[in-house]
PDB file of all heavy atoms in Angstrom:
ATOM      1  N   THR A   1      44.003  42.279  68.790  1.00  0.00           N
ATOM      2  CA  THR A   1      42.701  41.970  68.195  1.00  0.00           C
ATOM      3  C   THR A   1      42.895  41.281  66.847  1.00  0.00           C
ATOM      4  O   THR A   1      43.990  41.321  66.268  1.00  0.00           O
ATOM      5  CB  THR A   1      41.875  43.255  67.958  1.00  0.00           C
ATOM      6  OG1 THR A   1      42.558  44.050  66.976  1.00  0.00           O
ATOM      7  CG2 THR A   1      41.680  44.056  69.234  1.00  0.00           C
ATOM      8  N   ASP A   2      41.815  40.701  66.356  1.00  0.00           N
ATOM      9  CA  ASP A   2      41.860  40.125  65.010  1.00  0.00           C
ATOM     10  C   ASP A   2      42.119  41.204  63.964  1.00  0.00           C
ATOM     11  O   ASP A   2      42.816  40.971  62.979  1.00  0.00           O
ATOM     12  CB  ASP A   2      40.554  39.398  64.691  1.00  0.00           C
ATOM     13  CG  ASP A   2      40.466  38.035  65.359  1.00  0.00           C
ATOM     14  OD1 ASP A   2      41.511  37.512  65.797  1.00  0.00           O
ATOM     15  OD2 ASP A   2      39.350  37.479  65.426  1.00  0.00           O
ATOM     16  N   ASP A   3      41.555  42.389  64.157  1.00  0.00           N
ATOM     17  CA  ASP A   3      41.791  43.483  63.205  1.00  0.00           C
ATOM     18  C   ASP A   3      43.267  43.847  63.129  1.00  0.00           C
ATOM     19  O   ASP A   3      43.808  44.099  62.048  1.00  0.00           O
ATOM     20  CB  ASP A   3      40.977  44.726  63.583  1.00  0.00           C
ATOM     21  CG  ASP A   3      39.485  44.563  63.330  1.00  0.00           C
ATOM     22  OD1 ASP A   3      39.103  43.633  62.576  1.00  0.00           O
ATOM     23  OD2 ASP A   3      38.704  45.361  63.878  1.00  0.00           O
ATOM     24  N   GLU A   4      43.929  43.857  64.282  1.00  0.00           N
ATOM     25  CA  GLU A   4      45.360  44.139  64.292  1.00  0.00           C
ATOM     26  C   GLU A   4      46.134  43.021  63.594  1.00  0.00           C
ATOM     27  O   GLU A   4      47.101  43.280  62.864  1.00  0.00           O
ATOM     28  CB  GLU A   4      45.880  44.326  65.720  1.00  0.00           C
ATOM     29  CG  GLU A   4      47.358  44.708  65.763  1.00  0.00           C
ATOM     30  CD  GLU A   4      47.909  44.813  67.179  1.00  0.00           C
ATOM     31  OE1 GLU A   4      47.122  44.867  68.155  1.00  0.00           O
ATOM     32  OE2 GLU A   4      49.146  44.840  67.295  1.00  0.00           O
ATOM     33  N   ALA A   5      45.705  41.776  63.796  1.00  0.00           N
ATOM     34  CA  ALA A   5      46.358  40.641  63.131  1.00  0.00           C
ATOM     35  C   ALA A   5      46.231  40.769  61.615  1.00  0.00           C
ATOM     36  O   ALA A   5      47.213  40.609  60.884  1.00  0.00           O
ATOM     37  CB  ALA A   5      45.743  39.327  63.613  1.00  0.00           C
ATOM     38  N   VAL A   6      45.030  41.083  61.151  1.00  0.00           N
ATOM     39  CA  VAL A   6      44.813  41.257  59.711  1.00  0.00           C
ATOM     40  C   VAL A   6      45.681  42.398  59.183  1.00  0.00           C
ATOM     41  O   VAL A   6      46.314  42.276  58.126  1.00  0.00           O
ATOM     42  CB  VAL A   6      43.315  41.504  59.409  1.00  0.00           C
ATOM     43  CG1 VAL A   6      43.112  41.987  57.977  1.00  0.00           C
ATOM     44  CG2 VAL A   6      42.514  40.238  59.674  1.00  0.00           C
ATOM     45  N   ALA A   7      45.730  43.508  59.915  1.00  0.00           N
ATOM     46  CA  ALA A   7      46.549  44.647  59.478  1.00  0.00           C
ATOM     47  C   ALA A   7      48.019  44.258  59.358  1.00  0.00           C
ATOM     48  O   ALA A   7      48.696  44.644  58.400  1.00  0.00           O
ATOM     49  CB  ALA A   7      46.371  45.820  60.440  1.00  0.00           C
ATOM     50  N   ARG A   8      48.518  43.492  60.315  1.00  0.00           N
ATOM     51  CA  ARG A   8      49.922  43.053  60.258  1.00  0.00           C
ATOM     52  C   ARG A   8      50.165  42.107  59.089  1.00  0.00           C
ATOM     53  O   ARG A   8      51.189  42.181  58.415  1.00  0.00           O
ATOM     54  CB  ARG A   8      50.325  42.368  61.562  1.00  0.00           C
ATOM     55  CG  ARG A   8      50.527  43.326  62.705  1.00  0.00           C
ATOM     56  CD  ARG A   8      51.260  42.584  63.801  1.00  0.00           C
ATOM     57  NE  ARG A   8      51.092  43.199  65.091  1.00  0.00           N
ATOM     58  CZ  ARG A   8      51.579  42.680  66.207  1.00  0.00           C
ATOM     59  NH1 ARG A   8      52.233  41.537  66.185  1.00  0.00           N
ATOM     60  NH2 ARG A   8      51.406  43.287  67.355  1.00  0.00           N
ATOM     61  N   ILE A   9      49.219  41.208  58.865  1.00  0.00           N
ATOM     62  CA  ILE A   9      49.356  40.271  57.749  1.00  0.00           C
ATOM     63  C   ILE A   9      49.367  41.041  56.431  1.00  0.00           C
ATOM     64  O   ILE A   9      50.202  40.785  55.551  1.00  0.00           O
ATOM     65  CB  ILE A   9      48.233  39.210  57.775  1.00  0.00           C
ATOM     66  CG1 ILE A   9      48.413  38.292  58.982  1.00  0.00           C
ATOM     67  CG2 ILE A   9      48.209  38.411  56.476  1.00  0.00           C
ATOM     68  CD1 ILE A   9      47.212  37.396  59.261  1.00  0.00           C
ATOM     69  N   LEU A  10      48.455  42.000  56.289  1.00  0.00           N
ATOM     70  CA  LEU A  10      48.397  42.778  55.047  1.00  0.00           C
ATOM     71  C   LEU A  10      49.653  43.626  54.861  1.00  0.00           C
ATOM     72  O   LEU A  10      50.146  43.771  53.740  1.00  0.00           O
ATOM     73  CB  LEU A  10      47.145  43.664  55.026  1.00  0.00           C
ATOM     74  CG  LEU A  10      45.822  42.911  54.895  1.00  0.00           C
ATOM     75  CD1 LEU A  10      44.650  43.879  54.984  1.00  0.00           C
ATOM     76  CD2 LEU A  10      45.778  42.119  53.595  1.00  0.00           C
ATOM     77  N   ALA A  11      50.177  44.169  55.941  1.00  0.00           N
ATOM     78  CA  ALA A  11      51.420  44.951  55.845  1.00  0.00           C
ATOM     79  C   ALA A  11      52.578  44.057  55.407  1.00  0.00           C
ATOM     80  O   ALA A  11      53.382  44.443  54.544  1.00  0.00           O
ATOM     81  CB  ALA A  11      51.728  45.621  57.175  1.00  0.00           C
ATOM     82  N   ALA A  12      52.667  42.855  55.980  1.00  0.00           N
ATOM     83  CA  ALA A  12      53.732  41.924  55.595  1.00  0.00           C
ATOM     84  C   ALA A  12      53.565  41.484  54.144  1.00  0.00           C
ATOM     85  O   ALA A  12      54.545  41.402  53.392  1.00  0.00           O
ATOM     86  CB  ALA A  12      53.736  40.714  56.527  1.00  0.00           C
ATOM     87  N   ALA A  13      52.332  41.216  53.750  1.00  0.00           N
ATOM     88  CA  ALA A  13      52.075  40.827  52.358  1.00  0.00           C
ATOM     89  C   ALA A  13      52.414  41.981  51.417  1.00  0.00           C
ATOM     90  O   ALA A  13      53.005  41.776  50.353  1.00  0.00           O
ATOM     91  CB  ALA A  13      50.622  40.400  52.180  1.00  0.00           C
ATOM     92  N   GLY A  14      52.067  43.199  51.820  1.00  0.00           N
ATOM     93  CA  GLY A  14      52.381  44.371  50.995  1.00  0.00           C
ATOM     94  C   GLY A  14      53.878  44.540  50.787  1.00  0.00           C
ATOM     95  O   GLY A  14      54.334  44.815  49.674  1.00  0.00           O
ATOM     96  N   SER A  15      54.634  44.357  51.836  1.00  0.00           N
ATOM     97  CA  SER A  15      56.099  44.444  51.721  1.00  0.00           C
ATOM     98  C   SER A  15      56.643  43.355  50.805  1.00  0.00           C
ATOM     99  O   SER A  15      57.537  43.597  49.991  1.00  0.00           O
ATOM    100  CB  SER A  15      56.749  44.332  53.095  1.00  0.00           C
ATOM    101  OG  SER A  15      56.393  45.428  53.900  1.00  0.00           O
ATOM    102  N   ALA A  16      56.086  42.151  50.937  1.00  0.00           N
ATOM    103  CA  ALA A  16      56.532  41.048  50.089  1.00  0.00           C
ATOM    104  C   ALA A  16      56.188  41.305  48.624  1.00  0.00           C
ATOM    105  O   ALA A  16      56.982  41.016  47.724  1.00  0.00           O
ATOM    106  CB  ALA A  16      55.910  39.731  50.562  1.00  0.00           C
ATOM    107  N   ILE A  17      55.005  41.868  48.369  1.00  0.00           N
ATOM    108  CA  ILE A  17      54.607  42.207  46.997  1.00  0.00           C
ATOM    109  C   ILE A  17      55.537  43.277  46.437  1.00  0.00           C
ATOM    110  O   ILE A  17      55.943  43.219  45.275  1.00  0.00           O
ATOM    111  CB  ILE A  17      53.133  42.651  46.947  1.00  0.00           C
ATOM    112  CG1 ILE A  17      52.215  41.463  47.241  1.00  0.00           C
ATOM    113  CG2 ILE A  17      52.796  43.273  45.595  1.00  0.00           C
ATOM    114  CD1 ILE A  17      50.778  41.836  47.525  1.00  0.00           C
ATOM    115  N   ASP A  18      55.897  44.269  47.257  1.00  0.00           N
ATOM    116  CA  ASP A  18      56.844  45.297  46.813  1.00  0.00           C
ATOM    117  C   ASP A  18      58.153  44.667  46.348  1.00  0.00           C
ATOM    118  O   ASP A  18      58.749  45.106  45.364  1.00  0.00           O
ATOM    119  CB  ASP A  18      57.138  46.295  47.936  1.00  0.00           C
ATOM    120  CG  ASP A  18      55.998  47.263  48.180  1.00  0.00           C
ATOM    121  OD1 ASP A  18      55.165  47.449  47.271  1.00  0.00           O
ATOM    122  OD2 ASP A  18      55.941  47.827  49.295  1.00  0.00           O
ATOM    123  N   GLU A  19      58.595  43.647  47.068  1.00  0.00           N
ATOM    124  CA  GLU A  19      59.871  43.003  46.744  1.00  0.00           C
ATOM    125  C   GLU A  19      59.776  42.043  45.570  1.00  0.00           C
ATOM    126  O   GLU A  19      60.660  42.008  44.723  1.00  0.00           O
ATOM    127  CB  GLU A  19      60.393  42.230  47.962  1.00  0.00           C
ATOM    128  CG  GLU A  19      60.851  43.103  49.102  1.00  0.00           C
ATOM    129  CD  GLU A  19      61.262  42.279  50.318  1.00  0.00           C
ATOM    130  OE1 GLU A  19      61.546  41.076  50.163  1.00  0.00           O
ATOM    131  OE2 GLU A  19      61.292  42.849  51.423  1.00  0.00           O
ATOM    132  N   ARG A  20      58.684  41.229  45.527  1.00  0.00           N
ATOM    133  CA  ARG A  20      58.644  40.140  44.551  1.00  0.00           C
ATOM    134  C   ARG A  20      57.409  40.106  43.664  1.00  0.00           C
ATOM    135  O   ARG A  20      57.228  39.151  42.909  1.00  0.00           O
ATOM    136  CB  ARG A  20      58.748  38.806  45.296  1.00  0.00           C
ATOM    137  CG  ARG A  20      60.066  38.633  46.024  1.00  0.00           C
ATOM    138  CD  ARG A  20      60.286  37.237  46.549  1.00  0.00           C
ATOM    139  NE  ARG A  20      59.267  36.724  47.431  1.00  0.00           N
ATOM    140  CZ  ARG A  20      59.200  36.960  48.733  1.00  0.00           C
ATOM    141  NH1 ARG A  20      60.081  37.734  49.308  1.00  0.00           N
ATOM    142  NH2 ARG A  20      58.254  36.429  49.466  1.00  0.00           N
ATOM    143  N   GLY A  21      56.537  41.088  43.743  1.00  0.00           N
ATOM    144  CA  GLY A  21      55.319  41.050  42.946  1.00  0.00           C
ATOM    145  C   GLY A  21      54.394  39.944  43.415  1.00  0.00           C
ATOM    146  O   GLY A  21      54.316  39.645  44.600  1.00  0.00           O
ATOM    147  N   ALA A  22      53.706  39.317  42.471  1.00  0.00           N
ATOM    148  CA  ALA A  22      52.716  38.286  42.813  1.00  0.00           C
ATOM    149  C   ALA A  22      53.350  36.961  43.213  1.00  0.00           C
ATOM    150  O   ALA A  22      52.652  36.040  43.605  1.00  0.00           O
ATOM    151  CB  ALA A  22      51.771  38.067  41.633  1.00  0.00           C
ATOM    152  N   ASP A  23      54.669  36.875  43.150  1.00  0.00           N
ATOM    153  CA  ASP A  23      55.358  35.633  43.502  1.00  0.00           C
ATOM    154  C   ASP A  23      55.567  35.548  45.015  1.00  0.00           C
ATOM    155  O   ASP A  23      56.683  35.479  45.517  1.00  0.00           O
ATOM    156  CB  ASP A  23      56.702  35.561  42.766  1.00  0.00           C
ATOM    157  CG  ASP A  23      57.370  34.212  42.914  1.00  0.00           C
ATOM    158  OD1 ASP A  23      56.655  33.224  43.137  1.00  0.00           O
ATOM    159  OD2 ASP A  23      58.615  34.170  42.816  1.00  0.00           O
ATOM    160  N   VAL A  24      54.443  35.588  45.734  1.00  0.00           N
ATOM    161  CA  VAL A  24      54.455  35.580  47.193  1.00  0.00           C
ATOM    162  C   VAL A  24      53.523  34.476  47.659  1.00  0.00           C
ATOM    163  O   VAL A  24      52.453  34.278  47.086  1.00  0.00           O
ATOM    164  CB  VAL A  24      53.959  36.944  47.746  1.00  0.00           C
ATOM    165  CG1 VAL A  24      53.821  36.896  49.248  1.00  0.00           C
ATOM    166  CG2 VAL A  24      54.885  38.056  47.323  1.00  0.00           C
ATOM    167  N   GLY A  25      53.918  33.767  48.689  1.00  0.00           N
ATOM    168  CA  GLY A  25      53.070  32.718  49.226  1.00  0.00           C
ATOM    169  C   GLY A  25      52.756  32.955  50.692  1.00  0.00           C
ATOM    170  O   GLY A  25      53.375  33.787  51.360  1.00  0.00           O
ATOM    171  N   ILE A  26      51.785  32.210  51.176  1.00  0.00           N
ATOM    172  CA  ILE A  26      51.388  32.288  52.584  1.00  0.00           C
ATOM    173  C   ILE A  26      52.597  32.014  53.485  1.00  0.00           C
ATOM    174  O   ILE A  26      52.794  32.677  54.505  1.00  0.00           O
ATOM    175  CB  ILE A  26      50.256  31.282  52.878  1.00  0.00           C
ATOM    176  CG1 ILE A  26      48.996  31.644  52.106  1.00  0.00           C
ATOM    177  CG2 ILE A  26      49.998  31.139  54.369  1.00  0.00           C
ATOM    178  CD1 ILE A  26      48.080  32.645  52.725  1.00  0.00           C
TER     179      ILE A  26
END
């Protein structure tokens, strides 16, 4: 579903933020 897609994107973004802070891109 789209909700699952959004959840995966947010989880990936969250992991990237944990590693690099705001220096994350699409």
